[in-house]
Protein backbone atom coordinates (compact mmCIF):
# COMPACT_ATOMS: atom_id res chain seq x y z
CA MET A 1 189.87 93.38 134.17
CA ASP A 2 186.47 95.10 134.54
CA ILE A 3 188.31 98.66 135.86
CA ARG A 4 185.44 100.60 138.24
CA PHE A 5 186.02 104.05 139.84
CA THR A 6 183.23 106.03 141.99
CA LYS A 7 184.04 109.51 143.09
CA PRO A 8 187.57 110.03 143.89
CA PHE A 9 187.80 108.83 147.91
CA ALA A 10 191.57 110.03 149.42
CA PRO A 11 192.19 109.25 153.19
CA LYS A 12 192.02 111.55 156.12
CA SER A 13 195.84 111.46 156.58
CA LEU A 14 196.43 113.27 153.64
CA THR A 15 195.94 117.63 153.85
CA GLY A 16 196.40 120.42 151.84
CA LYS A 17 198.33 120.05 148.69
CA ILE A 18 198.91 116.21 149.42
CA ARG A 19 195.68 115.66 149.18
CA ASN A 20 194.78 118.10 146.36
CA ALA A 21 197.58 115.82 143.91
CA TYR A 22 196.36 112.24 145.81
CA LEU A 23 192.94 113.28 144.02
CA GLN A 24 194.32 114.76 140.97
CA ILE A 25 196.21 111.49 139.58
CA LEU A 26 192.62 109.57 140.52
CA GLN A 27 191.29 111.38 138.21
CA THR A 28 194.04 110.95 135.25
CA ILE A 29 193.88 107.96 135.90
CA LYS A 30 190.49 107.18 135.64
CA ALA A 31 189.51 109.49 132.40
CA VAL A 32 192.55 107.18 131.42
CA PHE A 33 191.02 103.70 131.85
CA SER A 34 187.28 105.30 130.79
CA SER A 35 188.00 106.57 127.59
CA ARG A 36 187.98 103.22 126.66
CA LYS A 37 184.22 103.00 127.40
CA GLN A 38 182.25 103.73 124.27
CA PRO A 39 179.76 106.82 124.04
CA VAL A 40 175.93 106.65 126.86
CA TYR A 41 173.60 107.85 124.61
CA LEU A 42 170.70 109.46 127.05
CA GLU A 43 167.46 109.99 124.28
CA ALA A 44 163.75 111.71 124.62
CA LEU A 45 165.52 113.06 128.46
CA SER A 46 164.60 116.06 129.65
CA PRO A 47 166.84 118.40 131.03
CA GLU A 48 167.15 118.12 134.75
CA GLN A 49 167.05 114.18 133.79
CA VAL A 50 170.16 114.71 131.50
CA ARG A 51 171.98 117.11 134.61
CA SER A 52 171.53 114.52 136.58
CA ARG A 53 173.32 111.40 134.87
CA LEU A 54 176.80 113.58 133.89
CA GLU A 55 176.43 114.97 137.39
CA ALA A 56 176.35 110.63 137.69
CA MET A 57 179.27 110.55 135.55
CA GLY A 58 181.64 113.16 136.98
CA LEU A 59 180.51 116.17 134.97
CA ARG A 60 183.43 119.01 135.19
CA LYS A 61 183.19 122.63 133.66
CA ASP A 62 186.27 121.51 131.48
CA TRP A 63 184.15 118.71 129.51
CA VAL A 64 182.78 120.19 126.41
CA PHE A 65 179.24 120.04 124.38
CA ALA A 66 178.79 120.23 121.13
CA ASP A 67 176.97 120.25 118.65
CA PHE A 68 176.25 117.24 115.38
CA ASP A 69 175.17 118.65 112.68
CA GLU A 70 177.54 121.10 110.59
CA VAL A 71 180.22 121.19 113.89
CA ILE A 72 181.49 117.72 114.27
CA THR A 73 180.37 116.83 110.74
CA CYS A 74 180.75 119.37 107.91
CA GLN A 75 177.41 118.42 106.32
CA SER A 76 173.26 118.49 107.27
CA SER A 77 172.89 114.94 107.96
CA GLN A 78 169.39 114.88 107.33
CA GLN A 79 169.39 116.92 104.93
CA LEU A 80 171.28 114.73 102.97
CA TRP A 81 168.56 111.80 104.07
CA ALA A 82 166.26 113.79 102.38
CA LYS A 83 167.44 114.49 99.34
CA LYS A 84 168.10 111.03 99.18
CA ILE A 85 164.79 109.87 99.68
CA ALA A 86 163.29 112.63 97.28
CA LYS A 87 165.94 111.45 94.11
CA ASN A 88 165.00 107.44 94.83
CA LYS A 89 161.06 108.02 95.71
CA LYS A 90 160.07 110.76 92.78
CA GLU A 91 156.67 109.55 93.20
CA VAL A 92 156.01 111.81 96.15
CA PHE A 93 159.62 114.29 95.31
CA PRO A 94 156.78 117.49 95.14
CA SER A 95 154.94 116.61 99.12
CA ILE A 96 157.99 115.31 100.23
CA PHE A 97 160.15 119.04 99.32
CA TRP A 98 157.35 120.73 100.98
CA LYS A 99 157.12 119.31 103.81
CA TYR A 100 160.74 119.35 104.79
CA LEU A 101 160.85 122.57 103.32
CA HIS A 102 158.24 124.33 105.63
CA HIS A 103 159.57 122.70 108.81
CA TYR A 104 163.08 122.67 107.56
CA LYS A 105 163.92 126.53 108.67
CA TRP A 106 163.18 127.35 112.17
CA LYS A 107 162.84 123.70 113.12
CA GLU A 108 159.62 124.71 114.16
CA ASN A 109 158.06 121.19 114.83
CA LEU A 110 160.77 118.36 114.34
CA TYR A 111 158.25 115.91 115.34
CA GLU A 112 156.19 117.10 111.71
CA LEU A 113 159.86 117.03 110.45
CA ASN A 114 161.19 113.72 111.34
CA LYS A 115 157.83 111.75 109.38
CA ILE A 116 159.35 112.24 106.55
CA PHE A 117 161.63 109.84 106.70
CA GLN A 118 158.61 107.26 107.34
CA TYR A 119 159.27 108.01 103.18
CA SER A 120 162.81 106.25 103.37
CA ASP A 121 164.47 102.31 103.01
CA GLY A 122 165.04 102.71 106.71
CA LEU A 123 168.02 102.20 108.60
CA LYS A 124 169.71 100.60 105.43
CA GLU A 125 169.93 103.54 103.49
CA LEU A 126 170.52 105.31 106.40
CA GLU A 127 174.07 103.74 106.75
CA SER A 128 174.58 102.69 102.96
CA ASP A 129 173.85 106.19 100.99
CA VAL A 130 173.84 108.72 104.21
CA ILE A 131 176.67 108.32 106.89
CA PRO A 132 179.19 107.17 104.37
CA LEU A 133 178.59 111.18 103.02
CA LEU A 134 179.50 113.15 106.14
CA LYS A 135 182.52 114.31 107.03
CA PHE A 136 183.94 114.90 110.09
CA ASN A 137 185.13 118.71 110.22
CA GLU A 138 188.12 119.52 110.81
CA ASN A 139 187.33 123.14 112.07
CA ALA A 140 186.04 121.36 114.65
CA GLU A 141 188.99 118.69 115.06
CA LYS A 142 191.31 121.89 116.00
CA ALA A 143 188.47 123.87 117.89
CA LEU A 144 188.61 120.46 120.43
CA ASN A 145 192.62 120.37 120.41
CA ASP A 146 193.33 123.75 121.49
CA LEU A 147 190.79 123.38 124.18
CA LYS A 148 192.50 120.36 125.22
CA ASN A 149 196.25 121.93 124.99
CA LYS A 150 194.93 124.98 126.43
CA GLU A 151 193.70 122.08 129.84
CA ILE A 152 197.11 120.67 129.73
CA ALA A 153 198.96 123.93 130.06
CA ALA A 154 196.55 125.29 132.21
CA PRO A 155 198.40 123.60 135.45
CA THR A 156 201.12 126.04 136.93
CA ASP A 157 202.66 123.25 138.66
CA LEU A 158 205.16 121.12 137.48
CA PHE A 159 204.18 117.48 139.13
CA ARG A 160 200.79 118.20 137.50
CA LYS A 161 202.22 119.30 134.11
CA LEU A 162 204.30 116.31 134.77
CA ILE A 163 200.86 113.76 134.77
CA HIS A 164 199.69 115.56 131.96
CA ARG A 165 202.32 115.07 129.66
CA PHE A 166 202.59 111.42 131.12
CA PHE A 167 198.86 110.11 131.38
CA ARG A 168 198.05 112.09 128.29
CA PRO A 169 194.37 112.21 129.31
CA SER A 170 191.57 112.92 126.45
CA LEU A 171 189.63 115.51 125.67
CA ASN A 172 186.03 114.54 127.21
CA LEU A 173 183.12 114.94 124.20
CA VAL A 174 179.09 115.47 125.18
CA ILE A 175 177.37 116.02 121.61
CA VAL A 176 174.11 117.50 122.43
CA SER A 177 171.79 117.38 118.93
CA SER A 178 168.15 117.53 117.40
CA ASN A 179 169.25 115.15 115.74
CA THR A 180 168.95 111.32 116.37
CA GLY A 181 171.18 109.12 118.29
CA ALA A 182 170.73 106.28 116.32
CA LEU A 183 172.34 108.32 113.53
CA ILE A 184 174.81 110.11 115.14
CA ARG A 185 176.17 106.49 116.43
CA ARG A 186 176.41 104.92 112.91
CA PHE A 187 178.60 108.07 112.53
CA LEU A 188 180.44 107.79 115.47
CA GLU A 189 181.03 103.72 114.83
CA ARG A 190 182.70 104.77 111.24
CA GLU A 191 186.13 103.17 111.22
CA ASP A 192 187.75 106.18 109.82
CA ILE A 193 186.01 108.30 112.59
CA ARG A 194 186.81 106.23 115.51
CA LYS A 195 190.48 106.45 114.39
CA ARG A 196 190.69 110.18 113.89
CA LEU A 197 188.89 110.73 117.48
CA ARG A 198 191.21 108.36 119.01
CA GLU A 199 194.70 109.46 117.15
CA ASN A 200 193.28 112.84 118.65
CA ARG A 201 192.79 111.26 121.88
CA ILE A 202 189.30 113.45 122.25
CA MET A 203 187.02 110.80 124.17
CA VAL A 204 183.13 111.17 123.64
CA ARG A 205 181.78 110.34 126.75
CA VAL A 206 177.93 110.96 126.17
CA VAL A 207 175.40 112.32 123.44
CA VAL A 208 172.26 113.96 123.89
CA ALA A 209 169.43 113.59 121.36
CA ASN A 210 166.61 113.03 120.01
CA LYS A 211 164.55 109.37 119.96
CA MET A 212 164.17 107.74 116.72
CA GLY A 213 161.25 105.90 115.61
CA LEU A 214 160.42 102.41 114.59
CA ASP A 215 158.25 99.98 114.03
CA THR A 216 158.25 96.32 114.31
CA LYS A 217 159.31 95.66 111.34
CA GLY A 218 161.91 98.51 111.36
CA HIS A 219 161.17 101.15 109.24
CA VAL A 220 161.77 103.85 110.44
CA THR A 221 158.41 106.41 111.37
CA GLY A 222 159.74 109.82 112.95
CA LEU A 223 160.49 110.57 116.51
CA SER A 224 159.43 107.95 118.81
CA HIS A 225 158.29 110.72 121.03
CA LYS A 226 156.54 114.36 121.40
CA GLU A 227 158.41 115.32 124.41
CA ASN A 228 161.93 116.49 125.56
CA ILE A 229 162.60 116.80 122.10
CA ILE A 230 165.76 118.93 121.56
CA ASP A 231 165.20 121.80 118.93
CA ILE A 232 166.86 125.47 118.26
CA HIS A 233 164.13 126.06 121.46
CA THR A 234 165.36 123.87 124.17
CA LYS A 235 168.88 122.70 122.87
CA LYS A 236 170.31 125.60 125.54
CA ASP A 237 168.75 123.74 128.11
CA TYR A 238 170.99 120.82 127.67
CA ILE A 239 174.11 121.97 128.15
CA PRO A 240 175.13 123.87 131.49
CA LYS A 241 176.57 127.65 131.52
CA ASN A 242 180.34 126.61 133.43
CA ASN A 243 181.42 124.75 130.14
CA PRO A 244 182.53 125.82 127.00
CA VAL A 245 180.01 124.63 123.60
CA LEU A 246 180.85 124.61 119.67
CA VAL A 247 177.44 125.65 117.57
CA ASP A 248 177.47 127.02 114.24
CA LYS A 249 176.26 130.73 113.39
CA ARG A 250 172.61 129.19 113.35
CA ASP A 251 172.30 128.95 116.12
CA SER A 252 171.20 131.91 117.49
CA ARG A 253 169.59 131.08 120.54
CA LEU A 254 172.98 129.43 121.98
CA ASN A 255 174.95 132.21 120.60
CA GLN A 256 173.35 134.48 122.88
CA SER A 257 172.45 132.89 125.96
CA HIS A 258 175.83 131.12 126.86
CA PRO A 259 178.71 132.65 127.98
CA ASN A 260 181.01 130.24 126.67
CA VAL A 261 180.75 129.64 123.04
CA ILE A 262 183.15 128.60 120.30
CA LEU A 263 181.61 129.43 116.39
CA VAL A 264 183.11 126.84 114.28
CA PRO A 265 182.21 127.07 110.57
CA SER A 266 181.57 124.22 108.58
CA ASP A 267 184.45 122.68 105.83
CA GLN A 268 181.77 123.55 102.88
CA PRO A 269 179.84 126.84 102.03
CA ASN A 270 176.43 126.63 102.63
CA ASN A 271 174.03 126.33 98.77
CA ARG A 272 171.14 125.85 100.49
CA ILE A 273 169.22 128.40 98.38
CA ASP A 274 171.27 127.45 95.07
CA GLU A 275 170.71 123.82 95.22
CA LEU A 276 166.56 125.24 96.41
CA ARG A 277 166.46 127.04 92.75
CA LEU A 278 168.87 124.33 90.72
CA LEU A 279 165.65 121.49 91.93
CA MET A 280 162.66 124.29 90.86
CA LYS A 281 163.85 124.73 87.63
CA ARG A 282 164.36 121.58 86.94
CA PHE A 283 160.71 120.48 88.50
CA PRO A 284 158.81 122.95 87.30
CA ILE A 285 155.59 121.37 89.32
CA LEU A 286 157.78 122.71 92.21
CA ASN A 287 156.80 126.70 91.63
CA ARG A 288 153.23 126.20 92.21
CA GLN A 289 153.33 124.40 95.15
CA ASN A 290 154.02 127.87 96.30
CA ARG A 291 153.87 131.20 95.37
CA HIS A 292 156.86 132.73 97.25
CA PRO A 293 159.19 129.67 97.71
CA PHE A 294 162.27 131.21 98.32
CA GLN A 295 160.56 133.07 101.84
CA GLY A 296 162.37 133.01 104.86
CA LEU A 297 164.72 130.49 103.69
CA THR A 298 167.85 131.69 104.99
CA LYS A 299 169.65 131.73 108.07
């Protein structure tokens, strides 16, 4: 049976507390049934378009926004993929390495950065060699559960507390990422991730991301769009000021501009600089490509 909900409606004869209680019941039941749906993927859209779609879906102040890489996951998925490509494509390794390194620090040009994935073996490589390595960040899980419990404890009247306890509504999560929807989709579709989110009653309602470009043969070409690219400069425009947002310490623009930022540490230490030094020791050719290989690498 397909159950569809629109904007909650209350008869005009209901007034005051009875009307509010009636609407609360409808919204709670809606949240329970909505948890069975798959996430909606909004890719290559402007902040205005995304905001309009979210409002049409019933965006509320208790919806939580979160970054993906090194927030929901412990690692940077694109960095893992780039390292996998470099390992498999030794003949073009120096050019891949420096192209990735040149754009990675500030992600000034994500369109150019994503061109390195043209060297990959496509979605098959992504699904077999990258997605299985991504780990769910337990610190993000804890932060989301804390927010959910805080929301459940917020009602002051006994009636609303009973509704929350009986229906156990899910926490609504919106992922906003400079990554691609195709990659995030494959992570969320992993059975262990689906089970973990289900057990914690965390419902990913929307994923706002860039769109992966594919040619007619299904090979990855990078990003499919040059406009409406979500990067460290534009990400903040996609997140409402009234909603909490989970970020890592690198998101300085969100940390400075958003009033409801929650910092989520990664479970894994950031050994990016040590990894680069090791690579340069193993491959001396890399040292000849750039006179100052570590200049401005720290974030």
